[in-house]
Amino acid sequence: MRAADADLILEKLGNIGVGLVVDDFGAGHSSLRRLIRLPVNAIKIDRTFVDRCQFDDDERSVCSAIIALAISMNLTVIAEGVENTEQIDFLRDQGCHALQGFVITEPLRPENVPDFIAPHLGAASDPKVVDLDTIRTRFHLYRAI
């Protein structure tokens, strides 16, 4: 598919309310021009930047810049490949909204997701939605996310 065709389709999807997330932002074919033009809701920082952000000043600078750019554009920022609390602390301090990685769980098969989530959401009979503070506590990441 040509980029122009893809852009048109993505624009039409955005117009009907489909949210778009730019995966692996900062690596590969991500483009700032497309980020401005398309109805993007969130970006995911490529794991190659997150992986080294605690050791390398340049990688840390790139992560900070991506997060600042996304926040200034009212986009949600998701960090990929988060594996330790040092990365969580850095990303949290920069304003990153969400994370994914082994620090939360290893990849799960779809049939195992309910068993993973259930202990963190309370009793099935509880009609209220569990808030983020409760989820933080139940994941034992108190200050991590």
N, C-alpha and C. Protein backbone atom coordinates (compact mmCIF):
# COMPACT_ATOMS: atom_id res chain seq x y z
N MET A 1 0.85 -1.17 0.00
CA MET A 1 0.00 0.00 0.00
C MET A 1 0.90 1.24 0.00
N ARG A 2 0.54 2.19 -0.80
CA ARG A 2 1.30 3.44 -0.84
C ARG A 2 0.99 4.27 0.40
N ALA A 3 1.96 5.08 0.82
CA ALA A 3 1.80 5.91 2.01
C ALA A 3 0.60 6.84 1.90
N ALA A 4 0.36 7.40 0.72
CA ALA A 4 -0.78 8.30 0.54
C ALA A 4 -2.09 7.57 0.78
N ASP A 5 -2.20 6.33 0.28
CA ASP A 5 -3.41 5.53 0.50
C ASP A 5 -3.58 5.23 1.99
N ALA A 6 -2.50 4.86 2.64
CA ALA A 6 -2.56 4.55 4.07
C ALA A 6 -2.98 5.78 4.87
N ASP A 7 -2.41 6.93 4.53
CA ASP A 7 -2.77 8.15 5.24
C ASP A 7 -4.26 8.46 5.11
N LEU A 8 -4.81 8.28 3.93
CA LEU A 8 -6.23 8.54 3.70
C LEU A 8 -7.10 7.58 4.53
N ILE A 9 -6.74 6.31 4.52
CA ILE A 9 -7.49 5.33 5.30
C ILE A 9 -7.40 5.64 6.79
N LEU A 10 -6.20 5.96 7.28
CA LEU A 10 -6.04 6.28 8.69
C LEU A 10 -6.82 7.54 9.07
N GLU A 11 -6.83 8.51 8.19
CA GLU A 11 -7.61 9.73 8.45
C GLU A 11 -9.10 9.40 8.54
N LYS A 12 -9.60 8.57 7.65
CA LYS A 12 -11.01 8.18 7.69
C LYS A 12 -11.33 7.41 8.97
N LEU A 13 -10.43 6.52 9.38
CA LEU A 13 -10.64 5.79 10.63
C LEU A 13 -10.69 6.76 11.82
N GLY A 14 -9.78 7.73 11.84
CA GLY A 14 -9.78 8.72 12.90
C GLY A 14 -11.07 9.52 12.94
N ASN A 15 -11.62 9.82 11.77
CA ASN A 15 -12.86 10.60 11.69
C ASN A 15 -14.06 9.86 12.26
N ILE A 16 -14.00 8.53 12.29
CA ILE A 16 -15.12 7.77 12.86
C ILE A 16 -14.83 7.34 14.29
N GLY A 17 -13.74 7.86 14.87
CA GLY A 17 -13.47 7.62 16.28
C GLY A 17 -12.49 6.51 16.61
N VAL A 18 -11.86 5.94 15.62
CA VAL A 18 -10.85 4.91 15.88
C VAL A 18 -9.57 5.59 16.34
N GLY A 19 -9.05 5.19 17.49
CA GLY A 19 -7.82 5.76 17.99
C GLY A 19 -6.60 5.10 17.36
N LEU A 20 -5.57 5.89 17.12
CA LEU A 20 -4.35 5.38 16.51
C LEU A 20 -3.17 5.55 17.46
N VAL A 21 -2.32 4.54 17.49
CA VAL A 21 -1.10 4.58 18.28
C VAL A 21 0.07 4.35 17.34
N VAL A 22 1.07 5.22 17.39
CA VAL A 22 2.27 5.04 16.60
C VAL A 22 3.21 4.16 17.41
N ASP A 23 3.46 2.96 16.91
CA ASP A 23 4.30 1.99 17.59
C ASP A 23 5.77 2.25 17.24
N ASP A 24 6.67 1.90 18.15
CA ASP A 24 8.12 2.02 17.93
C ASP A 24 8.53 3.43 17.52
N PHE A 25 7.92 4.43 18.16
CA PHE A 25 8.22 5.81 17.80
C PHE A 25 9.70 6.09 18.04
N GLY A 26 10.30 6.79 17.08
CA GLY A 26 11.71 7.12 17.17
C GLY A 26 12.59 6.17 16.42
N ALA A 27 12.03 5.07 15.95
CA ALA A 27 12.80 4.10 15.18
C ALA A 27 12.02 3.77 13.92
N GLY A 28 12.70 3.29 12.93
CA GLY A 28 12.01 2.86 11.72
C GLY A 28 11.43 4.00 10.92
N HIS A 29 10.16 3.88 10.56
CA HIS A 29 9.53 4.81 9.62
C HIS A 29 8.65 5.86 10.27
N SER A 30 8.78 6.09 11.57
CA SER A 30 7.95 7.12 12.18
C SER A 30 8.37 8.48 11.64
N SER A 31 7.40 9.31 11.41
CA SER A 31 7.65 10.61 10.80
C SER A 31 6.90 11.69 11.58
N LEU A 32 7.60 12.77 11.88
CA LEU A 32 6.93 13.87 12.57
C LEU A 32 5.84 14.49 11.70
N ARG A 33 6.04 14.54 10.39
CA ARG A 33 5.02 15.08 9.48
C ARG A 33 3.75 14.26 9.59
N ARG A 34 3.88 12.93 9.60
CA ARG A 34 2.70 12.08 9.70
C ARG A 34 2.06 12.20 11.07
N LEU A 35 2.87 12.39 12.09
CA LEU A 35 2.35 12.55 13.44
C LEU A 35 1.45 13.79 13.52
N ILE A 36 1.84 14.84 12.83
CA ILE A 36 1.06 16.08 12.82
C ILE A 36 -0.22 15.91 12.00
N ARG A 37 -0.12 15.23 10.87
CA ARG A 37 -1.21 15.15 9.92
C ARG A 37 -2.27 14.10 10.26
N LEU A 38 -1.87 13.01 10.88
CA LEU A 38 -2.80 11.92 11.13
C LEU A 38 -3.48 12.05 12.49
N PRO A 39 -4.64 11.43 12.65
CA PRO A 39 -5.37 11.50 13.92
C PRO A 39 -4.79 10.53 14.96
N VAL A 40 -3.59 10.81 15.40
CA VAL A 40 -2.89 9.94 16.34
C VAL A 40 -3.30 10.29 17.77
N ASN A 41 -3.54 9.26 18.60
CA ASN A 41 -3.90 9.46 20.00
C ASN A 41 -2.75 9.21 20.96
N ALA A 42 -1.82 8.35 20.55
CA ALA A 42 -0.73 7.96 21.45
C ALA A 42 0.49 7.54 20.65
N ILE A 43 1.64 7.61 21.32
CA ILE A 43 2.85 7.06 20.73
C ILE A 43 3.50 6.12 21.75
N LYS A 44 4.16 5.12 21.21
CA LYS A 44 4.90 4.18 22.05
C LYS A 44 6.39 4.39 21.77
N ILE A 45 7.14 4.75 22.80
CA ILE A 45 8.57 4.95 22.65
C ILE A 45 9.23 3.60 22.38
N ASP A 46 10.02 3.53 21.35
CA ASP A 46 10.69 2.29 21.00
C ASP A 46 11.56 1.80 22.14
N ARG A 47 11.52 0.50 22.36
CA ARG A 47 12.24 -0.12 23.48
C ARG A 47 13.74 0.10 23.42
N THR A 48 14.28 0.35 22.24
CA THR A 48 15.73 0.56 22.15
C THR A 48 16.16 1.81 22.90
N PHE A 49 15.30 2.81 22.99
CA PHE A 49 15.61 4.01 23.77
C PHE A 49 15.40 3.75 25.25
N VAL A 50 14.30 3.08 25.57
CA VAL A 50 13.98 2.80 26.97
C VAL A 50 15.03 1.88 27.59
N ASP A 51 15.48 0.90 26.82
CA ASP A 51 16.42 -0.10 27.31
C ASP A 51 17.69 0.53 27.88
N ARG A 52 18.16 1.60 27.26
CA ARG A 52 19.43 2.20 27.67
C ARG A 52 19.28 3.54 28.38
N CYS A 53 18.06 3.95 28.67
CA CYS A 53 17.86 5.30 29.23
C CYS A 53 18.48 5.48 30.60
N GLN A 54 18.69 4.41 31.33
CA GLN A 54 19.29 4.56 32.66
C GLN A 54 20.81 4.63 32.61
N PHE A 55 21.42 4.29 31.47
CA PHE A 55 22.88 4.25 31.36
C PHE A 55 23.46 5.32 30.44
N ASP A 56 22.69 5.76 29.48
CA ASP A 56 23.23 6.57 28.39
C ASP A 56 22.53 7.93 28.34
N ASP A 57 23.32 8.99 28.46
CA ASP A 57 22.75 10.35 28.46
C ASP A 57 22.01 10.66 27.16
N ASP A 58 22.54 10.21 26.03
CA ASP A 58 21.89 10.48 24.75
C ASP A 58 20.54 9.77 24.65
N GLU A 59 20.48 8.51 25.09
CA GLU A 59 19.21 7.77 25.07
C GLU A 59 18.20 8.42 26.01
N ARG A 60 18.68 8.87 27.16
CA ARG A 60 17.82 9.56 28.13
C ARG A 60 17.28 10.84 27.52
N SER A 61 18.14 11.57 26.79
CA SER A 61 17.71 12.81 26.15
C SER A 61 16.64 12.55 25.09
N VAL A 62 16.82 11.47 24.32
CA VAL A 62 15.83 11.14 23.29
C VAL A 62 14.50 10.79 23.94
N CYS A 63 14.52 9.97 24.99
CA CYS A 63 13.28 9.62 25.69
C CYS A 63 12.59 10.87 26.22
N SER A 64 13.35 11.75 26.85
CA SER A 64 12.79 12.99 27.40
C SER A 64 12.16 13.84 26.31
N ALA A 65 12.85 13.94 25.18
CA ALA A 65 12.34 14.76 24.07
C ALA A 65 11.07 14.17 23.48
N ILE A 66 11.03 12.85 23.31
CA ILE A 66 9.81 12.20 22.78
C ILE A 66 8.65 12.42 23.73
N ILE A 67 8.88 12.25 25.02
CA ILE A 67 7.81 12.44 26.01
C ILE A 67 7.33 13.89 25.99
N ALA A 68 8.26 14.84 25.98
CA ALA A 68 7.88 16.26 25.96
C ALA A 68 7.10 16.61 24.70
N LEU A 69 7.54 16.09 23.56
CA LEU A 69 6.84 16.34 22.30
C LEU A 69 5.41 15.81 22.37
N ALA A 70 5.27 14.57 22.81
CA ALA A 70 3.94 13.96 22.88
C ALA A 70 3.03 14.72 23.84
N ILE A 71 3.55 15.08 25.00
CA ILE A 71 2.73 15.81 25.97
C ILE A 71 2.30 17.15 25.39
N SER A 72 3.22 17.83 24.69
CA SER A 72 2.86 19.13 24.11
C SER A 72 1.80 19.00 23.02
N MET A 73 1.69 17.80 22.43
CA MET A 73 0.69 17.56 21.40
C MET A 73 -0.55 16.86 21.97
N ASN A 74 -0.65 16.79 23.30
CA ASN A 74 -1.77 16.13 23.98
C ASN A 74 -1.93 14.66 23.57
N LEU A 75 -0.81 13.98 23.41
CA LEU A 75 -0.82 12.56 23.09
C LEU A 75 -0.45 11.76 24.33
N THR A 76 -0.97 10.57 24.42
CA THR A 76 -0.57 9.64 25.46
C THR A 76 0.78 9.05 25.09
N VAL A 77 1.65 8.89 26.09
CA VAL A 77 2.98 8.32 25.86
C VAL A 77 3.08 6.98 26.57
N ILE A 78 3.46 5.96 25.82
CA ILE A 78 3.63 4.62 26.35
C ILE A 78 5.08 4.21 26.12
N ALA A 79 5.75 3.74 27.14
CA ALA A 79 7.13 3.27 27.00
C ALA A 79 7.13 1.76 26.85
N GLU A 80 7.83 1.27 25.83
CA GLU A 80 7.94 -0.16 25.59
C GLU A 80 9.20 -0.73 26.24
N GLY A 81 9.12 -1.97 26.65
CA GLY A 81 10.30 -2.68 27.10
C GLY A 81 10.82 -2.29 28.47
N VAL A 82 9.95 -1.83 29.34
CA VAL A 82 10.37 -1.43 30.68
C VAL A 82 10.63 -2.68 31.51
N GLU A 83 11.85 -2.76 32.07
CA GLU A 83 12.24 -3.99 32.76
C GLU A 83 12.72 -3.80 34.18
N ASN A 84 12.85 -2.55 34.64
CA ASN A 84 13.32 -2.36 36.01
C ASN A 84 12.81 -1.05 36.60
N THR A 85 12.94 -0.92 37.90
CA THR A 85 12.40 0.25 38.59
C THR A 85 13.16 1.53 38.28
N GLU A 86 14.44 1.43 37.90
CA GLU A 86 15.18 2.63 37.51
C GLU A 86 14.56 3.25 36.26
N GLN A 87 14.20 2.42 35.31
CA GLN A 87 13.53 2.92 34.12
C GLN A 87 12.18 3.53 34.47
N ILE A 88 11.44 2.85 35.33
CA ILE A 88 10.14 3.38 35.75
C ILE A 88 10.30 4.75 36.39
N ASP A 89 11.25 4.89 37.31
CA ASP A 89 11.47 6.17 37.98
C ASP A 89 11.77 7.28 36.99
N PHE A 90 12.67 7.00 36.04
CA PHE A 90 13.02 8.00 35.03
C PHE A 90 11.81 8.38 34.19
N LEU A 91 11.09 7.38 33.67
CA LEU A 91 9.93 7.63 32.81
C LEU A 91 8.83 8.38 33.56
N ARG A 92 8.59 8.01 34.80
CA ARG A 92 7.59 8.70 35.62
C ARG A 92 7.98 10.16 35.80
N ASP A 93 9.25 10.40 36.11
CA ASP A 93 9.73 11.78 36.34
C ASP A 93 9.59 12.63 35.08
N GLN A 94 9.66 12.00 33.91
CA GLN A 94 9.54 12.73 32.65
C GLN A 94 8.09 12.96 32.24
N GLY A 95 7.15 12.29 32.90
CA GLY A 95 5.73 12.47 32.59
C GLY A 95 5.13 11.41 31.70
N CYS A 96 5.84 10.30 31.51
CA CYS A 96 5.32 9.20 30.69
C CYS A 96 4.02 8.68 31.32
N HIS A 97 3.02 8.43 30.49
CA HIS A 97 1.70 8.05 30.97
C HIS A 97 1.53 6.56 31.29
N ALA A 98 2.18 5.71 30.51
CA ALA A 98 1.97 4.27 30.67
C ALA A 98 3.23 3.53 30.27
N LEU A 99 3.28 2.27 30.70
CA LEU A 99 4.43 1.46 30.35
C LEU A 99 4.00 0.04 30.07
N GLN A 100 4.86 -0.64 29.34
CA GLN A 100 4.66 -2.07 29.13
C GLN A 100 6.02 -2.73 29.19
N GLY A 101 6.05 -3.92 29.70
CA GLY A 101 7.31 -4.63 29.76
C GLY A 101 7.32 -5.67 30.86
N PHE A 102 8.45 -6.33 30.98
CA PHE A 102 8.60 -7.42 31.94
C PHE A 102 8.48 -6.96 33.38
N VAL A 103 8.63 -5.67 33.65
CA VAL A 103 8.48 -5.19 35.02
C VAL A 103 7.04 -5.40 35.50
N ILE A 104 6.10 -5.45 34.58
CA ILE A 104 4.70 -5.73 34.92
C ILE A 104 4.44 -7.23 34.82
N THR A 105 4.72 -7.80 33.66
CA THR A 105 4.54 -9.24 33.45
C THR A 105 5.22 -9.65 32.16
N GLU A 106 5.53 -10.92 32.07
CA GLU A 106 6.01 -11.46 30.80
C GLU A 106 4.81 -11.51 29.85
N PRO A 107 5.06 -11.64 28.55
CA PRO A 107 3.92 -11.74 27.63
C PRO A 107 2.98 -12.87 28.05
N LEU A 108 1.69 -12.58 27.98
CA LEU A 108 0.69 -13.56 28.39
C LEU A 108 -0.08 -14.07 27.19
N ARG A 109 -0.44 -15.34 27.24
CA ARG A 109 -1.34 -15.88 26.24
C ARG A 109 -2.73 -15.29 26.54
N PRO A 110 -3.54 -15.06 25.53
CA PRO A 110 -4.86 -14.46 25.76
C PRO A 110 -5.68 -15.18 26.83
N GLU A 111 -5.62 -16.49 26.87
CA GLU A 111 -6.42 -17.23 27.85
C GLU A 111 -5.92 -17.05 29.28
N ASN A 112 -4.69 -16.53 29.46
CA ASN A 112 -4.14 -16.32 30.80
C ASN A 112 -4.37 -14.90 31.33
N VAL A 113 -4.82 -13.99 30.47
CA VAL A 113 -5.02 -12.60 30.89
C VAL A 113 -6.04 -12.48 32.02
N PRO A 114 -7.21 -13.14 31.95
CA PRO A 114 -8.17 -12.99 33.06
C PRO A 114 -7.58 -13.42 34.42
N ASP A 115 -6.81 -14.51 34.43
CA ASP A 115 -6.21 -14.96 35.68
C ASP A 115 -5.17 -13.97 36.20
N PHE A 116 -4.48 -13.29 35.30
CA PHE A 116 -3.49 -12.30 35.71
C PHE A 116 -4.16 -11.05 36.28
N ILE A 117 -5.23 -10.62 35.64
CA ILE A 117 -5.90 -9.37 36.03
C ILE A 117 -6.77 -9.54 37.27
N ALA A 118 -7.45 -10.66 37.40
CA ALA A 118 -8.45 -10.85 38.46
C ALA A 118 -7.97 -10.50 39.86
N PRO A 119 -6.79 -10.93 40.31
CA PRO A 119 -6.37 -10.59 41.68
C PRO A 119 -6.14 -9.10 41.90
N HIS A 120 -5.97 -8.36 40.83
CA HIS A 120 -5.67 -6.94 40.95
C HIS A 120 -6.91 -6.06 40.86
N LEU A 121 -8.04 -6.63 40.55
CA LEU A 121 -9.25 -5.84 40.37
C LEU A 121 -10.29 -6.04 41.45
N GLY A 122 -10.03 -6.89 42.42
CA GLY A 122 -10.99 -7.10 43.49
C GLY A 122 -12.01 -8.16 43.14
N ALA A 123 -13.01 -8.28 43.97
CA ALA A 123 -14.03 -9.32 43.81
C ALA A 123 -14.89 -9.04 42.59
N ALA A 124 -15.28 -10.09 41.90
CA ALA A 124 -16.12 -9.95 40.72
C ALA A 124 -17.46 -9.32 41.07
N SER A 125 -17.90 -9.47 42.32
CA SER A 125 -19.19 -8.93 42.72
C SER A 125 -19.12 -7.44 43.04
N ASP A 126 -17.93 -6.89 43.13
CA ASP A 126 -17.77 -5.47 43.44
C ASP A 126 -18.13 -4.64 42.21
N PRO A 127 -19.22 -3.85 42.29
CA PRO A 127 -19.69 -3.13 41.11
C PRO A 127 -18.86 -1.89 40.76
N LYS A 128 -18.05 -1.38 41.71
CA LYS A 128 -17.33 -0.15 41.39
C LYS A 128 -16.04 -0.43 40.64
N VAL A 129 -15.61 0.54 39.89
CA VAL A 129 -14.37 0.44 39.13
C VAL A 129 -13.21 0.67 40.09
N VAL A 130 -12.17 -0.13 39.98
CA VAL A 130 -11.01 0.02 40.85
C VAL A 130 -10.16 1.18 40.34
N ASP A 131 -9.77 2.07 41.24
CA ASP A 131 -8.98 3.23 40.82
C ASP A 131 -7.50 2.90 40.70
N LEU A 132 -6.75 3.83 40.10
CA LEU A 132 -5.34 3.61 39.83
C LEU A 132 -4.52 3.39 41.10
N ASP A 133 -4.84 4.09 42.18
CA ASP A 133 -4.10 3.89 43.42
C ASP A 133 -4.24 2.46 43.93
N THR A 134 -5.44 1.89 43.80
CA THR A 134 -5.64 0.51 44.22
C THR A 134 -4.83 -0.44 43.35
N ILE A 135 -4.84 -0.19 42.05
CA ILE A 135 -4.06 -1.03 41.15
C ILE A 135 -2.57 -0.91 41.48
N ARG A 136 -2.08 0.31 41.73
CA ARG A 136 -0.67 0.49 42.09
C ARG A 136 -0.33 -0.33 43.33
N THR A 137 -1.16 -0.25 44.33
CA THR A 137 -0.90 -0.96 45.57
C THR A 137 -0.90 -2.46 45.33
N ARG A 138 -1.86 -2.94 44.58
CA ARG A 138 -1.96 -4.38 44.34
C ARG A 138 -0.82 -4.91 43.48
N PHE A 139 -0.21 -4.05 42.67
CA PHE A 139 0.95 -4.47 41.89
C PHE A 139 2.24 -4.30 42.69
N HIS A 140 2.13 -3.78 43.90
CA HIS A 140 3.29 -3.56 44.76
C HIS A 140 4.34 -2.68 44.10
N LEU A 141 3.90 -1.69 43.35
CA LEU A 141 4.81 -0.76 42.69
C LEU A 141 4.66 0.63 43.30
N TYR A 142 4.10 0.69 44.47
CA TYR A 142 3.72 1.92 45.16
C TYR A 142 4.18 3.20 44.48
N ARG A 143 5.44 3.44 44.38
CA ARG A 143 5.93 4.68 43.79
C ARG A 143 6.39 4.49 42.36
N ALA A 144 6.24 3.31 41.82
CA ALA A 144 6.82 3.01 40.53
C ALA A 144 6.01 3.55 39.35
N ILE A 145 4.68 3.53 39.45
CA ILE A 145 3.90 4.02 38.31
C ILE A 145 2.96 5.11 38.76
